[in-house]
Every structure is written in C-alpha cells, then in structure tokens.
Amino acid sequence: MKSVRAATWWITSVMGDHDYERFVEHRNRVHPGHPVPSEREYWKARHAEADANPGARCC
C-alpha cells in the first residue's frame, strides 16, 4: 500500500497537482500580507505564461 501512495504522489506531482499549494505557501512566506490569487487565476496566468514563452517542452 505504501508503494501505491508513493506512486500516486509522484504522478500527481509530475502532473502539477501540488503546484498551487506550493505557490500559496511560497507567496505567504515571501510576500506576507499580499493577496493570493485564486487557484483559477493562478492556472490562467500560468497557462498564459507558457503560451507566451513556450521554451523547451515536449508537446
């Protein structure tokens, strides 16, 4: 069962499922008192940035 949890954690990490949580933690730690965008706003900005600056990616 432990290996299933580890695999699930790894897959969700690779897919970016934990990115917003890490962003909120970073934002609160580095910029306390500043408003934190909603999860929807975060993903919208992240995808807009990726479209504007594609860089090296597989797809």
C-alpha atoms as a PDB file:
ATOM      1  CA  MET A   1       0.000   0.000   0.000  1.00  0.00           C
ATOM      2  CA  LYS A   2       2.891   2.344   0.758  1.00  0.00           C
ATOM      3  CA  SER A   3       4.224   1.943  -2.778  1.00  0.00           C
ATOM      4  CA  VAL A   4       0.812   2.807  -4.227  1.00  0.00           C
ATOM      5  CA  ARG A   5       0.723   6.042  -2.195  1.00  0.00           C
ATOM      6  CA  ALA A   6       4.253   6.878  -3.308  1.00  0.00           C
ATOM      7  CA  ALA A   7       3.384   6.261  -6.950  1.00  0.00           C
ATOM      8  CA  THR A   8       0.229   8.352  -6.630  1.00  0.00           C
ATOM      9  CA  TRP A   9       2.180  11.197  -5.036  1.00  0.00           C
ATOM     10  CA  TRP A  10       4.794  11.055  -7.798  1.00  0.00           C
ATOM     11  CA  ILE A  11       2.229  11.044 -10.618  1.00  0.00           C
ATOM     12  CA  THR A  12       0.253  13.938  -9.155  1.00  0.00           C
ATOM     13  CA  SER A  13       3.490  15.881  -8.619  1.00  0.00           C
ATOM     14  CA  VAL A  14       4.583  15.374 -12.214  1.00  0.00           C
ATOM     15  CA  MET A  15       1.146  16.474 -13.414  1.00  0.00           C
ATOM     16  CA  GLY A  16       1.349  19.670 -11.358  1.00  0.00           C
ATOM     17  CA  ASP A  17      -1.410  18.877  -8.892  1.00  0.00           C
ATOM     18  CA  HIS A  18       0.600  20.314  -5.977  1.00  0.00           C
ATOM     19  CA  ASP A  19       1.856  23.441  -7.751  1.00  0.00           C
ATOM     20  CA  TYR A  20      -0.839  25.801  -6.481  1.00  0.00           C
ATOM     21  CA  GLU A  21      -0.371  24.623  -2.887  1.00  0.00           C
ATOM     22  CA  ARG A  22       3.384  25.260  -3.142  1.00  0.00           C
ATOM     23  CA  PHE A  23       2.722  28.647  -4.757  1.00  0.00           C
ATOM     24  CA  VAL A  24       0.426  29.694  -1.890  1.00  0.00           C
ATOM     25  CA  GLU A  25       2.985  28.574   0.706  1.00  0.00           C
ATOM     26  CA  HIS A  26       5.726  30.499  -1.105  1.00  0.00           C
ATOM     27  CA  ARG A  27       3.559  33.582  -1.529  1.00  0.00           C
ATOM     28  CA  ASN A  28       2.631  33.655   2.155  1.00  0.00           C
ATOM     29  CA  ARG A  29       6.228  33.084   3.243  1.00  0.00           C
ATOM     30  CA  VAL A  30       7.930  35.545   0.870  1.00  0.00           C
ATOM     31  CA  HIS A  31       5.165  38.132   0.435  1.00  0.00           C
ATOM     32  CA  PRO A  32       3.142  38.112   3.669  1.00  0.00           C
ATOM     33  CA  GLY A  33       0.121  40.367   3.660  1.00  0.00           C
ATOM     34  CA  HIS A  34      -0.167  40.449  -0.139  1.00  0.00           C
ATOM     35  CA  PRO A  35      -3.300  38.975  -1.704  1.00  0.00           C
ATOM     36  CA  VAL A  36      -3.016  35.447  -3.060  1.00  0.00           C
ATOM     37  CA  PRO A  37      -4.670  34.799  -6.430  1.00  0.00           C
ATOM     38  CA  SER A  38      -7.377  32.173  -6.543  1.00  0.00           C
ATOM     39  CA  GLU A  39      -6.456  28.768  -7.903  1.00  0.00           C
ATOM     40  CA  ARG A  40      -8.317  29.595 -11.119  1.00  0.00           C
ATOM     41  CA  GLU A  41      -6.393  32.865 -11.518  1.00  0.00           C
ATOM     42  CA  TYR A  42      -3.114  31.058 -10.813  1.00  0.00           C
ATOM     43  CA  TRP A  43      -3.669  28.440 -13.518  1.00  0.00           C
ATOM     44  CA  LYS A  44      -4.923  31.016 -16.011  1.00  0.00           C
ATOM     45  CA  ALA A  45      -1.757  33.105 -15.538  1.00  0.00           C
ATOM     46  CA  ARG A  46       0.470  30.024 -15.633  1.00  0.00           C
ATOM     47  CA  HIS A  47      -1.002  28.810 -18.921  1.00  0.00           C
ATOM     48  CA  ALA A  48      -0.847  32.308 -20.419  1.00  0.00           C
ATOM     49  CA  GLU A  49       2.850  32.499 -19.462  1.00  0.00           C
ATOM     50  CA  ALA A  50       3.530  29.083 -21.009  1.00  0.00           C
ATOM     51  CA  ASP A  51       1.780  30.112 -24.236  1.00  0.00           C
ATOM     52  CA  ALA A  52       3.653  33.434 -24.397  1.00  0.00           C
ATOM     53  CA  ASN A  53       7.053  31.842 -23.656  1.00  0.00           C
ATOM     54  CA  PRO A  54       6.929  28.211 -24.797  1.00  0.00           C
ATOM     55  CA  GLY A  55      10.575  27.336 -24.161  1.00  0.00           C
ATOM     56  CA  ALA A  56      11.608  23.710 -24.390  1.00  0.00           C
ATOM     57  CA  ARG A  57       8.770  21.283 -23.879  1.00  0.00           C
ATOM     58  CA  CYS A  58       7.805  18.020 -25.446  1.00  0.00           C
ATOM     59  CA  CYS A  59       4.386  18.964 -26.833  1.00  0.00           C
END
